[in-house]
Amino acid sequence: MYPTLGLVNEAGEVAGKVKKIFRDRQGVITDADRQALTLELGDVLWYLSELCTRLEIRLEDVAEHNIAKLADRASRGVLGGDGDLR
């Protein structure tokens, strides 16, 4: 449970930083923003990796399956919309 909560928390921190970039600077991303986002995304990556480790799922498999899923959706013209089974 811990890595799942950590993942959600860190993803929220990324979203908060991006929100403030759009709210305060109309979406203009500075080098300082990139540095801060790099640190937060590193935390997201660590928790995702830890969750995969505990679930005995290879992170590489997650990435490969996602790339294949998105390529399939793109080829069928269903990237937009809702639901996992598009």
PDB file of N, CA and C in Angstrom:
ATOM      1  N   MET A   1       0.812  -1.187   0.000  1.00  0.00           N
ATOM      2  CA  MET A   1       0.000   0.000   0.000  1.00  0.00           C
ATOM      3  C   MET A   1       0.866   1.266   0.000  1.00  0.00           C
ATOM      4  N   TYR A   2       1.965   1.236   0.727  1.00  0.00           N
ATOM      5  CA  TYR A   2       2.830   2.418   0.840  1.00  0.00           C
ATOM      6  C   TYR A   2       3.280   2.952  -0.515  1.00  0.00           C
ATOM      7  N   PRO A   3       3.804   2.094  -1.435  1.00  0.00           N
ATOM      8  CA  PRO A   3       4.247   2.666  -2.704  1.00  0.00           C
ATOM      9  C   PRO A   3       3.095   3.240  -3.534  1.00  0.00           C
ATOM     10  N   THR A   4       1.905   2.682  -3.389  1.00  0.00           N
ATOM     11  CA  THR A   4       0.760   3.210  -4.123  1.00  0.00           C
ATOM     12  C   THR A   4       0.427   4.616  -3.642  1.00  0.00           C
ATOM     13  N   LEU A   5       0.392   4.809  -2.336  1.00  0.00           N
ATOM     14  CA  LEU A   5       0.111   6.129  -1.787  1.00  0.00           C
ATOM     15  C   LEU A   5       1.222   7.118  -2.127  1.00  0.00           C
ATOM     16  N   GLY A   6       2.460   6.653  -2.093  1.00  0.00           N
ATOM     17  CA  GLY A   6       3.582   7.512  -2.463  1.00  0.00           C
ATOM     18  C   GLY A   6       3.492   7.943  -3.916  1.00  0.00           C
ATOM     19  N   LEU A   7       3.113   7.010  -4.790  1.00  0.00           N
ATOM     20  CA  LEU A   7       2.981   7.314  -6.214  1.00  0.00           C
ATOM     21  C   LEU A   7       1.926   8.390  -6.443  1.00  0.00           C
ATOM     22  N   VAL A   8       0.778   8.216  -5.816  1.00  0.00           N
ATOM     23  CA  VAL A   8      -0.305   9.181  -5.976  1.00  0.00           C
ATOM     24  C   VAL A   8       0.102  10.541  -5.413  1.00  0.00           C
ATOM     25  N   ASN A   9       0.751  10.541  -4.259  1.00  0.00           N
ATOM     26  CA  ASN A   9       1.195  11.791  -3.651  1.00  0.00           C
ATOM     27  C   ASN A   9       2.174  12.526  -4.552  1.00  0.00           C
ATOM     28  N   GLU A  10       3.162  11.823  -5.045  1.00  0.00           N
ATOM     29  CA  GLU A  10       4.177  12.466  -5.890  1.00  0.00           C
ATOM     30  C   GLU A  10       3.584  12.930  -7.215  1.00  0.00           C
ATOM     31  N   ALA A  11       2.678  12.148  -7.790  1.00  0.00           N
ATOM     32  CA  ALA A  11       2.010  12.571  -9.033  1.00  0.00           C
ATOM     33  C   ALA A  11       1.216  13.850  -8.778  1.00  0.00           C
ATOM     34  N   GLY A  12       0.605  13.938  -7.602  1.00  0.00           N
ATOM     35  CA  GLY A  12      -0.112  15.154  -7.236  1.00  0.00           C
ATOM     36  C   GLY A  12       0.817  16.351  -7.114  1.00  0.00           C
ATOM     37  N   GLU A  13       2.013  16.128  -6.602  1.00  0.00           N
ATOM     38  CA  GLU A  13       2.982  17.220  -6.507  1.00  0.00           C
ATOM     39  C   GLU A  13       3.398  17.703  -7.888  1.00  0.00           C
ATOM     40  N   VAL A  14       3.569  16.776  -8.830  1.00  0.00           N
ATOM     41  CA  VAL A  14       3.878  17.157 -10.217  1.00  0.00           C
ATOM     42  C   VAL A  14       2.731  17.994 -10.773  1.00  0.00           C
ATOM     43  N   ALA A  15       1.501  17.503 -10.597  1.00  0.00           N
ATOM     44  CA  ALA A  15       0.331  18.217 -11.108  1.00  0.00           C
ATOM     45  C   ALA A  15       0.228  19.611 -10.489  1.00  0.00           C
ATOM     46  N   GLY A  16       0.519  19.736  -9.203  1.00  0.00           N
ATOM     47  CA  GLY A  16       0.464  21.037  -8.540  1.00  0.00           C
ATOM     48  C   GLY A  16       1.463  22.017  -9.120  1.00  0.00           C
ATOM     49  N   LYS A  17       2.671  21.540  -9.395  1.00  0.00           N
ATOM     50  CA  LYS A  17       3.690  22.417  -9.979  1.00  0.00           C
ATOM     51  C   LYS A  17       3.272  22.875 -11.375  1.00  0.00           C
ATOM     52  N   VAL A  18       2.743  21.959 -12.174  1.00  0.00           N
ATOM     53  CA  VAL A  18       2.307  22.301 -13.527  1.00  0.00           C
ATOM     54  C   VAL A  18       1.124  23.272 -13.463  1.00  0.00           C
ATOM     55  N   LYS A  19       0.200  23.028 -12.544  1.00  0.00           N
ATOM     56  CA  LYS A  19      -0.953  23.933 -12.372  1.00  0.00           C
ATOM     57  C   LYS A  19      -0.487  25.354 -12.113  1.00  0.00           C
ATOM     58  N   LYS A  20       0.491  25.505 -11.228  1.00  0.00           N
ATOM     59  CA  LYS A  20       0.978  26.839 -10.885  1.00  0.00           C
ATOM     60  C   LYS A  20       1.691  27.505 -12.053  1.00  0.00           C
ATOM     61  N   ILE A  21       2.343  26.718 -12.889  1.00  0.00           N
ATOM     62  CA  ILE A  21       2.984  27.266 -14.094  1.00  0.00           C
ATOM     63  C   ILE A  21       1.917  27.879 -15.001  1.00  0.00           C
ATOM     64  N   PHE A  22       0.799  27.178 -15.165  1.00  0.00           N
ATOM     65  CA  PHE A  22      -0.265  27.702 -16.021  1.00  0.00           C
ATOM     66  C   PHE A  22      -1.023  28.840 -15.338  1.00  0.00           C
ATOM     67  N   ARG A  23      -1.247  28.728 -14.043  1.00  0.00           N
ATOM     68  CA  ARG A  23      -1.974  29.761 -13.321  1.00  0.00           C
ATOM     69  C   ARG A  23      -1.184  31.060 -13.228  1.00  0.00           C
ATOM     70  N   ASP A  24       0.109  30.930 -12.922  1.00  0.00           N
ATOM     71  CA  ASP A  24       0.911  32.118 -12.626  1.00  0.00           C
ATOM     72  C   ASP A  24       1.681  32.671 -13.823  1.00  0.00           C
ATOM     73  N   ARG A  25       2.009  31.803 -14.793  1.00  0.00           N
ATOM     74  CA  ARG A  25       2.861  32.253 -15.901  1.00  0.00           C
ATOM     75  C   ARG A  25       2.339  31.818 -17.273  1.00  0.00           C
ATOM     76  N   GLN A  26       1.057  31.603 -17.370  1.00  0.00           N
ATOM     77  CA  GLN A  26       0.414  31.261 -18.642  1.00  0.00           C
ATOM     78  C   GLN A  26       1.110  30.096 -19.366  1.00  0.00           C
ATOM     79  N   GLY A  27       1.643  29.169 -18.609  1.00  0.00           N
ATOM     80  CA  GLY A  27       2.233  27.971 -19.183  1.00  0.00           C
ATOM     81  C   GLY A  27       3.687  28.097 -19.611  1.00  0.00           C
ATOM     82  N   VAL A  28       4.314  29.209 -19.321  1.00  0.00           N
ATOM     83  CA  VAL A  28       5.725  29.394 -19.669  1.00  0.00           C
ATOM     84  C   VAL A  28       6.573  28.632 -18.657  1.00  0.00           C
ATOM     85  N   ILE A  29       7.318  27.644 -19.134  1.00  0.00           N
ATOM     86  CA  ILE A  29       8.127  26.781 -18.269  1.00  0.00           C
ATOM     87  C   ILE A  29       9.564  27.287 -18.254  1.00  0.00           C
ATOM     88  N   THR A  30      10.067  27.550 -17.059  1.00  0.00           N
ATOM     89  CA  THR A  30      11.441  28.040 -16.908  1.00  0.00           C
ATOM     90  C   THR A  30      12.394  26.872 -16.653  1.00  0.00           C
ATOM     91  N   ASP A  31      13.673  27.172 -16.705  1.00  0.00           N
ATOM     92  CA  ASP A  31      14.673  26.156 -16.363  1.00  0.00           C
ATOM     93  C   ASP A  31      14.505  25.686 -14.920  1.00  0.00           C
ATOM     94  N   ALA A  32      14.164  26.613 -14.024  1.00  0.00           N
ATOM     95  CA  ALA A  32      13.934  26.244 -12.622  1.00  0.00           C
ATOM     96  C   ALA A  32      12.737  25.294 -12.508  1.00  0.00           C
ATOM     97  N   ASP A  33      11.692  25.542 -13.305  1.00  0.00           N
ATOM     98  CA  ASP A  33      10.543  24.634 -13.323  1.00  0.00           C
ATOM     99  C   ASP A  33      10.963  23.247 -13.788  1.00  0.00           C
ATOM    100  N   ARG A  34      11.755  23.199 -14.836  1.00  0.00           N
ATOM    101  CA  ARG A  34      12.217  21.905 -15.358  1.00  0.00           C
ATOM    102  C   ARG A  34      13.025  21.152 -14.307  1.00  0.00           C
ATOM    103  N   GLN A  35      13.857  21.879 -13.587  1.00  0.00           N
ATOM    104  CA  GLN A  35      14.660  21.256 -12.541  1.00  0.00           C
ATOM    105  C   GLN A  35      13.760  20.704 -11.435  1.00  0.00           C
ATOM    106  N   ALA A  36      12.792  21.502 -11.002  1.00  0.00           N
ATOM    107  CA  ALA A  36      11.884  21.062  -9.936  1.00  0.00           C
ATOM    108  C   ALA A  36      11.036  19.878 -10.410  1.00  0.00           C
ATOM    109  N   LEU A  37      10.556  19.936 -11.642  1.00  0.00           N
ATOM    110  CA  LEU A  37       9.749  18.835 -12.181  1.00  0.00           C
ATOM    111  C   LEU A  37      10.585  17.577 -12.363  1.00  0.00           C
ATOM    112  N   THR A  38      11.840  17.739 -12.724  1.00  0.00           N
ATOM    113  CA  THR A  38      12.725  16.579 -12.854  1.00  0.00           C
ATOM    114  C   THR A  38      12.848  15.854 -11.520  1.00  0.00           C
ATOM    115  N   LEU A  39      12.991  16.608 -10.442  1.00  0.00           N
ATOM    116  CA  LEU A  39      13.091  15.995  -9.114  1.00  0.00           C
ATOM    117  C   LEU A  39      11.796  15.277  -8.745  1.00  0.00           C
ATOM    118  N   GLU A  40      10.663  15.923  -8.978  1.00  0.00           N
ATOM    119  CA  GLU A  40       9.379  15.302  -8.639  1.00  0.00           C
ATOM    120  C   GLU A  40       9.105  14.083  -9.509  1.00  0.00           C
ATOM    121  N   LEU A  41       9.412  14.184 -10.796  1.00  0.00           N
ATOM    122  CA  LEU A  41       9.196  13.032 -11.681  1.00  0.00           C
ATOM    123  C   LEU A  41      10.109  11.872 -11.303  1.00  0.00           C
ATOM    124  N   GLY A  42      11.273  12.173 -10.781  1.00  0.00           N
ATOM    125  CA  GLY A  42      12.151  11.122 -10.265  1.00  0.00           C
ATOM    126  C   GLY A  42      11.493  10.388  -9.103  1.00  0.00           C
ATOM    127  N   ASP A  43      10.805  11.130  -8.252  1.00  0.00           N
ATOM    128  CA  ASP A  43      10.080  10.501  -7.144  1.00  0.00           C
ATOM    129  C   ASP A  43       8.935   9.633  -7.672  1.00  0.00           C
ATOM    130  N   VAL A  44       8.214  10.139  -8.684  1.00  0.00           N
ATOM    131  CA  VAL A  44       7.143   9.351  -9.311  1.00  0.00           C
ATOM    132  C   VAL A  44       7.718   8.045  -9.856  1.00  0.00           C
ATOM    133  N   LEU A  45       8.834   8.168 -10.557  1.00  0.00           N
ATOM    134  CA  LEU A  45       9.461   6.991 -11.149  1.00  0.00           C
ATOM    135  C   LEU A  45       9.888   5.985 -10.084  1.00  0.00           C
ATOM    136  N   TRP A  46      10.438   6.488  -8.967  1.00  0.00           N
ATOM    137  CA  TRP A  46      10.873   5.576  -7.900  1.00  0.00           C
ATOM    138  C   TRP A  46       9.689   4.807  -7.335  1.00  0.00           C
ATOM    139  N   TYR A  47       8.594   5.509  -7.026  1.00  0.00           N
ATOM    140  CA  TYR A  47       7.433   4.821  -6.457  1.00  0.00           C
ATOM    141  C   TYR A  47       6.808   3.859  -7.456  1.00  0.00           C
ATOM    142  N   LEU A  48       6.767   4.225  -8.732  1.00  0.00           N
ATOM    143  CA  LEU A  48       6.252   3.312  -9.749  1.00  0.00           C
ATOM    144  C   LEU A  48       7.117   2.063  -9.826  1.00  0.00           C
ATOM    145  N   SER A  49       8.420   2.259  -9.822  1.00  0.00           N
ATOM    146  CA  SER A  49       9.345   1.130  -9.861  1.00  0.00           C
ATOM    147  C   SER A  49       9.188   0.242  -8.638  1.00  0.00           C
ATOM    148  N   GLU A  50       9.060   0.855  -7.470  1.00  0.00           N
ATOM    149  CA  GLU A  50       8.897   0.092  -6.226  1.00  0.00           C
ATOM    150  C   GLU A  50       7.585  -0.696  -6.240  1.00  0.00           C
ATOM    151  N   LEU A  51       6.521  -0.077  -6.738  1.00  0.00           N
ATOM    152  CA  LEU A  51       5.238  -0.773  -6.834  1.00  0.00           C
ATOM    153  C   LEU A  51       5.347  -1.967  -7.776  1.00  0.00           C
ATOM    154  N   CYS A  52       5.998  -1.775  -8.913  1.00  0.00           N
ATOM    155  CA  CYS A  52       6.201  -2.888  -9.841  1.00  0.00           C
ATOM    156  C   CYS A  52       7.008  -4.007  -9.185  1.00  0.00           C
ATOM    157  N   THR A  53       8.050  -3.645  -8.458  1.00  0.00           N
ATOM    158  CA  THR A  53       8.876  -4.645  -7.776  1.00  0.00           C
ATOM    159  C   THR A  53       8.046  -5.466  -6.804  1.00  0.00           C
ATOM    160  N   ARG A  54       7.250  -4.788  -6.002  1.00  0.00           N
ATOM    161  CA  ARG A  54       6.442  -5.497  -4.997  1.00  0.00           C
ATOM    162  C   ARG A  54       5.351  -6.359  -5.636  1.00  0.00           C
ATOM    163  N   LEU A  55       4.866  -5.953  -6.809  1.00  0.00           N
ATOM    164  CA  LEU A  55       3.836  -6.730  -7.506  1.00  0.00           C
ATOM    165  C   LEU A  55       4.435  -7.788  -8.439  1.00  0.00           C
ATOM    166  N   GLU A  56       5.773  -7.818  -8.493  1.00  0.00           N
ATOM    167  CA  GLU A  56       6.490  -8.735  -9.376  1.00  0.00           C
ATOM    168  C   GLU A  56       6.094  -8.535 -10.835  1.00  0.00           C
ATOM    169  N   ILE A  57       6.043  -7.251 -11.223  1.00  0.00           N
ATOM    170  CA  ILE A  57       5.786  -6.851 -12.605  1.00  0.00           C
ATOM    171  C   ILE A  57       7.009  -6.062 -13.064  1.00  0.00           C
ATOM    172  N   ARG A  58       7.546  -6.455 -14.197  1.00  0.00           N
ATOM    173  CA  ARG A  58       8.710  -5.729 -14.711  1.00  0.00           C
ATOM    174  C   ARG A  58       8.274  -4.367 -15.254  1.00  0.00           C
ATOM    175  N   LEU A  59       8.991  -3.317 -14.851  1.00  0.00           N
ATOM    176  CA  LEU A  59       8.697  -1.977 -15.337  1.00  0.00           C
ATOM    177  C   LEU A  59       8.793  -1.933 -16.866  1.00  0.00           C
ATOM    178  N   GLU A  60       9.717  -2.675 -17.412  1.00  0.00           N
ATOM    179  CA  GLU A  60       9.870  -2.749 -18.863  1.00  0.00           C
ATOM    180  C   GLU A  60       8.609  -3.304 -19.519  1.00  0.00           C
ATOM    181  N   ASP A  61       7.979  -4.295 -18.875  1.00  0.00           N
ATOM    182  CA  ASP A  61       6.740  -4.865 -19.414  1.00  0.00           C
ATOM    183  C   ASP A  61       5.608  -3.847 -19.386  1.00  0.00           C
ATOM    184  N   VAL A  62       5.551  -3.068 -18.317  1.00  0.00           N
ATOM    185  CA  VAL A  62       4.534  -2.018 -18.227  1.00  0.00           C
ATOM    186  C   VAL A  62       4.699  -1.050 -19.393  1.00  0.00           C
ATOM    187  N   ALA A  63       5.922  -0.607 -19.631  1.00  0.00           N
ATOM    188  CA  ALA A  63       6.193   0.341 -20.716  1.00  0.00           C
ATOM    189  C   ALA A  63       5.874  -0.268 -22.082  1.00  0.00           C
ATOM    190  N   GLU A  64       6.314  -1.495 -22.305  1.00  0.00           N
ATOM    191  CA  GLU A  64       6.073  -2.145 -23.600  1.00  0.00           C
ATOM    192  C   GLU A  64       4.582  -2.337 -23.867  1.00  0.00           C
ATOM    193  N   HIS A  65       3.839  -2.776 -22.853  1.00  0.00           N
ATOM    194  CA  HIS A  65       2.400  -2.963 -23.027  1.00  0.00           C
ATOM    195  C   HIS A  65       1.696  -1.636 -23.304  1.00  0.00           C
ATOM    196  N   ASN A  66       2.130  -0.578 -22.632  1.00  0.00           N
ATOM    197  CA  ASN A  66       1.498   0.722 -22.838  1.00  0.00           C
ATOM    198  C   ASN A  66       1.780   1.259 -24.238  1.00  0.00           C
ATOM    199  N   ILE A  67       3.004   1.104 -24.703  1.00  0.00           N
ATOM    200  CA  ILE A  67       3.352   1.548 -26.056  1.00  0.00           C
ATOM    201  C   ILE A  67       2.528   0.781 -27.090  1.00  0.00           C
ATOM    202  N   ALA A  68       2.416  -0.533 -26.908  1.00  0.00           N
ATOM    203  CA  ALA A  68       1.630  -1.349 -27.840  1.00  0.00           C
ATOM    204  C   ALA A  68       0.153  -0.951 -27.805  1.00  0.00           C
ATOM    205  N   LYS A  69      -0.381  -0.713 -26.612  1.00  0.00           N
ATOM    206  CA  LYS A  69      -1.784  -0.321 -26.462  1.00  0.00           C
ATOM    207  C   LYS A  69      -2.050   1.000 -27.182  1.00  0.00           C
ATOM    208  N   LEU A  70      -1.178   1.985 -26.992  1.00  0.00           N
ATOM    209  CA  LEU A  70      -1.376   3.289 -27.611  1.00  0.00           C
ATOM    210  C   LEU A  70      -1.199   3.230 -29.123  1.00  0.00           C
ATOM    211  N   ALA A  71      -0.258   2.416 -29.580  1.00  0.00           N
ATOM    212  CA  ALA A  71      -0.080   2.246 -31.031  1.00  0.00           C
ATOM    213  C   ALA A  71      -1.318   1.616 -31.649  1.00  0.00           C
ATOM    214  N   ASP A  72      -1.891   0.644 -30.970  1.00  0.00           N
ATOM    215  CA  ASP A  72      -3.115   0.008 -31.454  1.00  0.00           C
ATOM    216  C   ASP A  72      -4.258   1.016 -31.514  1.00  0.00           C
ATOM    217  N   ARG A  73      -4.418   1.796 -30.467  1.00  0.00           N
ATOM    218  CA  ARG A  73      -5.480   2.806 -30.451  1.00  0.00           C
ATOM    219  C   ARG A  73      -5.269   3.832 -31.558  1.00  0.00           C
ATOM    220  N   ALA A  74      -4.025   4.250 -31.759  1.00  0.00           N
ATOM    221  CA  ALA A  74      -3.734   5.227 -32.813  1.00  0.00           C
ATOM    222  C   ALA A  74      -4.091   4.656 -34.180  1.00  0.00           C
ATOM    223  N   SER A  75      -3.757   3.393 -34.400  1.00  0.00           N
ATOM    224  CA  SER A  75      -4.032   2.778 -35.711  1.00  0.00           C
ATOM    225  C   SER A  75      -5.531   2.644 -35.973  1.00  0.00           C
ATOM    226  N   ARG A  76      -6.316   2.566 -34.900  1.00  0.00           N
ATOM    227  CA  ARG A  76      -7.772   2.459 -35.028  1.00  0.00           C
ATOM    228  C   ARG A  76      -8.471   3.804 -34.867  1.00  0.00           C
ATOM    229  N   GLY A  77      -7.689   4.876 -34.623  1.00  0.00           N
ATOM    230  CA  GLY A  77      -8.257   6.209 -34.495  1.00  0.00           C
ATOM    231  C   GLY A  77      -9.071   6.419 -33.230  1.00  0.00           C
ATOM    232  N   VAL A  78      -8.694   5.731 -32.145  1.00  0.00           N
ATOM    233  CA  VAL A  78      -9.455   5.861 -30.898  1.00  0.00           C
ATOM    234  C   VAL A  78      -8.572   6.295 -29.719  1.00  0.00           C
ATOM    235  N   LEU A  79      -7.610   7.164 -29.987  1.00  0.00           N
ATOM    236  CA  LEU A  79      -6.770   7.667 -28.896  1.00  0.00           C
ATOM    237  C   LEU A  79      -7.592   8.514 -27.938  1.00  0.00           C
ATOM    238  N   GLY A  80      -8.504   9.302 -28.445  1.00  0.00           N
ATOM    239  CA  GLY A  80      -9.371  10.114 -27.602  1.00  0.00           C
ATOM    240  C   GLY A  80     -10.511   9.279 -27.050  1.00  0.00           C
ATOM    241  N   GLY A  81     -11.246   9.851 -26.133  1.00  0.00           N
ATOM    242  CA  GLY A  81     -12.397   9.150 -25.568  1.00  0.00           C
ATOM    243  C   GLY A  81     -12.095   8.599 -24.199  1.00  0.00           C
ATOM    244  N   ASP A  82     -13.004   7.757 -23.734  1.00  0.00           N
ATOM    245  CA  ASP A  82     -12.896   7.209 -22.387  1.00  0.00           C
ATOM    246  C   ASP A  82     -12.899   5.689 -22.426  1.00  0.00           C
ATOM    247  N   GLY A  83     -12.399   5.111 -21.357  1.00  0.00           N
ATOM    248  CA  GLY A  83     -12.468   3.673 -21.178  1.00  0.00           C
ATOM    249  C   GLY A  83     -11.207   2.945 -21.588  1.00  0.00           C
ATOM    250  N   ASP A  84     -10.945   1.872 -20.880  1.00  0.00           N
ATOM    251  CA  ASP A  84      -9.758   1.073 -21.171  1.00  0.00           C
ATOM    252  C   ASP A  84      -9.904   0.230 -22.423  1.00  0.00           C
ATOM    253  N   LEU A  85     -11.119  -0.147 -22.747  1.00  0.00           N
ATOM    254  CA  LEU A  85     -11.346  -1.077 -23.858  1.00  0.00           C
ATOM    255  C   LEU A  85     -11.764  -0.345 -25.123  1.00  0.00           C
ATOM    256  N   ARG A  86     -10.943   0.612 -25.539  1.00  0.00           N
ATOM    257  CA  ARG A  86     -11.235   1.333 -26.784  1.00  0.00           C
ATOM    258  C   ARG A  86     -10.611   0.623 -27.943  1.00  0.00           C
TER     259      ARG A  86
END
